[in-house]
Amino acid sequence: MKTRSIVLFILRSILLIVLILIAVFVYETDYKQSEIETYEKDQYRLVIYQVGTPSFPYGSGKCRFILSSDGKQINKQDIELANDGKWPDSNNFSVEWKSDSVSVTAHGEEQEDVRYTLNFN
């Protein structure tokens, strides 16, 4: 009886460790936000994040633009960037501030330039 409970404990521990490793892998590849660049003008702040990792082996990657004012998020945009499986960096984005919005142009190796507009209101 004692041996059986020890074996069950070991099996449960191994299962728990495997589940934790799977959860960490899924978080890292699909959900983890890594800051690429921050842009500021007046009270506005635009942060560009990479979300997860680019799809294996040469797929697109996910990025997120978060626009905030005085520490409060006022706009958010999720995009896909076709960049030949490479990690996006600040060279993949151009930012233009306007009086009522900010425009972000995404440049990917496998896509035409795409412009996204995030309004201040």
C-alpha atoms as a PDB file:
ATOM      1  CA  MET A   1       0.000   0.000   0.000  1.00  0.00           C
ATOM      2  CA  LYS A   2       2.809   2.403   0.892  1.00  0.00           C
ATOM      3  CA  THR A   3       4.679   1.642  -2.344  1.00  0.00           C
ATOM      4  CA  ARG A   4       1.550   2.338  -4.370  1.00  0.00           C
ATOM      5  CA  SER A   5       1.050   5.773  -2.797  1.00  0.00           C
ATOM      6  CA  ILE A   6       4.708   6.655  -3.425  1.00  0.00           C
ATOM      7  CA  VAL A   7       4.384   5.664  -7.088  1.00  0.00           C
ATOM      8  CA  LEU A   8       1.180   7.711  -7.422  1.00  0.00           C
ATOM      9  CA  PHE A   9       2.908  10.705  -5.825  1.00  0.00           C
ATOM     10  CA  ILE A  10       5.827  10.436  -8.262  1.00  0.00           C
ATOM     11  CA  LEU A  11       3.484  10.119 -11.265  1.00  0.00           C
ATOM     12  CA  ARG A  12       1.439  13.134 -10.142  1.00  0.00           C
ATOM     13  CA  SER A  13       4.629  15.148  -9.659  1.00  0.00           C
ATOM     14  CA  ILE A  14       5.883  14.250 -13.137  1.00  0.00           C
ATOM     15  CA  LEU A  15       2.493  15.140 -14.634  1.00  0.00           C
ATOM     16  CA  LEU A  16       2.488  18.480 -12.809  1.00  0.00           C
ATOM     17  CA  ILE A  17       5.999  19.306 -14.055  1.00  0.00           C
ATOM     18  CA  VAL A  18       5.037  18.398 -17.648  1.00  0.00           C
ATOM     19  CA  LEU A  19       1.895  20.569 -17.448  1.00  0.00           C
ATOM     20  CA  ILE A  20       3.917  23.500 -16.088  1.00  0.00           C
ATOM     21  CA  LEU A  21       6.450  23.150 -18.913  1.00  0.00           C
ATOM     22  CA  ILE A  22       3.658  23.065 -21.497  1.00  0.00           C
ATOM     23  CA  ALA A  23       2.045  26.169 -19.957  1.00  0.00           C
ATOM     24  CA  VAL A  24       5.368  28.055 -20.019  1.00  0.00           C
ATOM     25  CA  PHE A  25       5.928  27.063 -23.662  1.00  0.00           C
ATOM     26  CA  VAL A  26       2.443  28.211 -24.709  1.00  0.00           C
ATOM     27  CA  TYR A  27       2.854  31.507 -22.828  1.00  0.00           C
ATOM     28  CA  GLU A  28       6.253  32.217 -24.413  1.00  0.00           C
ATOM     29  CA  THR A  29       5.140  31.377 -27.966  1.00  0.00           C
ATOM     30  CA  ASP A  30       1.624  32.884 -27.973  1.00  0.00           C
ATOM     31  CA  TYR A  31       1.109  35.491 -25.241  1.00  0.00           C
ATOM     32  CA  LYS A  32       4.333  37.034 -23.908  1.00  0.00           C
ATOM     33  CA  GLN A  33       4.654  40.736 -24.768  1.00  0.00           C
ATOM     34  CA  SER A  34       8.172  41.984 -25.492  1.00  0.00           C
ATOM     35  CA  GLU A  35       8.640  45.712 -25.954  1.00  0.00           C
ATOM     36  CA  ILE A  36      10.115  46.679 -29.313  1.00  0.00           C
ATOM     37  CA  GLU A  37      10.057  50.479 -29.098  1.00  0.00           C
ATOM     38  CA  THR A  38       8.431  53.368 -27.225  1.00  0.00           C
ATOM     39  CA  TYR A  39       7.518  56.707 -28.807  1.00  0.00           C
ATOM     40  CA  GLU A  40       6.318  59.770 -26.889  1.00  0.00           C
ATOM     41  CA  LYS A  41       4.841  63.108 -27.832  1.00  0.00           C
ATOM     42  CA  ASP A  42       3.320  65.564 -25.372  1.00  0.00           C
ATOM     43  CA  GLN A  43       1.148  63.506 -22.980  1.00  0.00           C
ATOM     44  CA  TYR A  44       0.825  60.591 -25.428  1.00  0.00           C
ATOM     45  CA  ARG A  45       2.873  57.420 -25.414  1.00  0.00           C
ATOM     46  CA  LEU A  46       2.911  54.687 -28.055  1.00  0.00           C
ATOM     47  CA  VAL A  47       4.493  51.342 -27.201  1.00  0.00           C
ATOM     48  CA  ILE A  48       5.034  48.686 -29.859  1.00  0.00           C
ATOM     49  CA  TYR A  49       5.187  45.103 -28.589  1.00  0.00           C
ATOM     50  CA  GLN A  50       5.936  41.769 -30.132  1.00  0.00           C
ATOM     51  CA  VAL A  51       3.407  39.185 -28.936  1.00  0.00           C
ATOM     52  CA  GLY A  52       4.705  35.633 -28.674  1.00  0.00           C
ATOM     53  CA  THR A  53       7.190  34.427 -31.273  1.00  0.00           C
ATOM     54  CA  PRO A  54       7.031  34.408 -35.077  1.00  0.00           C
ATOM     55  CA  SER A  55       5.330  31.328 -36.497  1.00  0.00           C
ATOM     56  CA  PHE A  56       7.737  28.484 -37.215  1.00  0.00           C
ATOM     57  CA  PRO A  57       9.646  28.319 -39.506  1.00  0.00           C
ATOM     58  CA  TYR A  58       9.061  31.368 -41.734  1.00  0.00           C
ATOM     59  CA  GLY A  59       5.660  32.635 -40.729  1.00  0.00           C
ATOM     60  CA  SER A  60       4.328  35.966 -39.638  1.00  0.00           C
ATOM     61  CA  GLY A  61       4.597  37.412 -36.169  1.00  0.00           C
ATOM     62  CA  LYS A  62       2.071  39.201 -34.016  1.00  0.00           C
ATOM     63  CA  CYS A  63       2.592  42.751 -32.812  1.00  0.00           C
ATOM     64  CA  ARG A  64       0.536  45.076 -30.641  1.00  0.00           C
ATOM     65  CA  PHE A  65       0.403  48.869 -30.564  1.00  0.00           C
ATOM     66  CA  ILE A  66      -0.755  50.419 -27.294  1.00  0.00           C
ATOM     67  CA  LEU A  67      -1.462  54.143 -27.181  1.00  0.00           C
ATOM     68  CA  SER A  68      -1.818  55.732 -23.776  1.00  0.00           C
ATOM     69  CA  SER A  69      -2.314  59.175 -22.330  1.00  0.00           C
ATOM     70  CA  ASP A  70      -1.360  60.069 -18.770  1.00  0.00           C
ATOM     71  CA  GLY A  71      -0.818  56.373 -18.005  1.00  0.00           C
ATOM     72  CA  LYS A  72      -4.254  55.256 -19.235  1.00  0.00           C
ATOM     73  CA  GLN A  73      -4.654  53.107 -22.338  1.00  0.00           C
ATOM     74  CA  ILE A  74      -6.763  54.918 -24.926  1.00  0.00           C
ATOM     75  CA  ASN A  75      -6.261  52.748 -28.011  1.00  0.00           C
ATOM     76  CA  LYS A  76      -4.888  49.334 -28.955  1.00  0.00           C
ATOM     77  CA  GLN A  77      -4.236  47.606 -32.277  1.00  0.00           C
ATOM     78  CA  ASP A  78      -3.142  44.005 -32.873  1.00  0.00           C
ATOM     79  CA  ILE A  79      -1.464  43.224 -36.203  1.00  0.00           C
ATOM     80  CA  GLU A  80       0.282  40.425 -38.089  1.00  0.00           C
ATOM     81  CA  LEU A  81       3.684  41.242 -39.575  1.00  0.00           C
ATOM     82  CA  ALA A  82       4.905  39.043 -42.453  1.00  0.00           C
ATOM     83  CA  ASN A  83       8.651  39.370 -41.910  1.00  0.00           C
ATOM     84  CA  ASP A  84      10.017  36.025 -43.181  1.00  0.00           C
ATOM     85  CA  GLY A  85       9.971  34.486 -39.697  1.00  0.00           C
ATOM     86  CA  LYS A  86      12.297  37.147 -38.276  1.00  0.00           C
ATOM     87  CA  TRP A  87      11.731  38.877 -34.971  1.00  0.00           C
ATOM     88  CA  PRO A  88      10.357  42.376 -35.557  1.00  0.00           C
ATOM     89  CA  ASP A  89      12.448  45.333 -34.435  1.00  0.00           C
ATOM     90  CA  SER A  90      12.195  49.124 -34.552  1.00  0.00           C
ATOM     91  CA  ASN A  91      13.273  49.135 -38.224  1.00  0.00           C
ATOM     92  CA  ASN A  92       9.955  47.462 -39.114  1.00  0.00           C
ATOM     93  CA  PHE A  93       7.913  50.479 -37.961  1.00  0.00           C
ATOM     94  CA  SER A  94       7.614  54.171 -38.830  1.00  0.00           C
ATOM     95  CA  VAL A  95       5.628  56.497 -36.583  1.00  0.00           C
ATOM     96  CA  GLU A  96       4.031  59.801 -37.582  1.00  0.00           C
ATOM     97  CA  TRP A  97       2.323  61.972 -34.984  1.00  0.00           C
ATOM     98  CA  LYS A  98      -0.674  64.029 -36.102  1.00  0.00           C
ATOM     99  CA  SER A  99      -2.880  66.512 -34.249  1.00  0.00           C
ATOM    100  CA  ASP A 100      -5.606  63.947 -33.415  1.00  0.00           C
ATOM    101  CA  SER A 101      -3.910  60.576 -34.011  1.00  0.00           C
ATOM    102  CA  VAL A 102      -0.705  58.667 -34.521  1.00  0.00           C
ATOM    103  CA  SER A 103       0.002  56.638 -37.657  1.00  0.00           C
ATOM    104  CA  VAL A 104       2.181  53.554 -37.550  1.00  0.00           C
ATOM    105  CA  THR A 105       3.438  52.066 -40.785  1.00  0.00           C
ATOM    106  CA  ALA A 106       4.503  48.412 -40.595  1.00  0.00           C
ATOM    107  CA  HIS A 107       7.238  47.293 -42.994  1.00  0.00           C
ATOM    108  CA  GLY A 108       7.613  43.526 -43.419  1.00  0.00           C
ATOM    109  CA  GLU A 109       9.861  41.629 -45.824  1.00  0.00           C
ATOM    110  CA  GLU A 110       6.928  39.611 -47.180  1.00  0.00           C
ATOM    111  CA  GLN A 111       4.252  42.288 -47.264  1.00  0.00           C
ATOM    112  CA  GLU A 112       3.575  45.731 -48.608  1.00  0.00           C
ATOM    113  CA  ASP A 113       3.720  48.581 -46.123  1.00  0.00           C
ATOM    114  CA  VAL A 114       0.537  48.787 -44.060  1.00  0.00           C
ATOM    115  CA  ARG A 115      -0.510  51.961 -42.220  1.00  0.00           C
ATOM    116  CA  TYR A 116      -2.476  51.816 -38.968  1.00  0.00           C
ATOM    117  CA  THR A 117      -4.051  54.882 -37.374  1.00  0.00           C
ATOM    118  CA  LEU A 118      -4.699  55.110 -33.655  1.00  0.00           C
ATOM    119  CA  ASN A 119      -6.906  58.039 -32.665  1.00  0.00           C
ATOM    120  CA  PHE A 120      -6.364  60.006 -29.491  1.00  0.00           C
ATOM    121  CA  ASN A 121     -10.050  59.975 -28.458  1.00  0.00           C
END
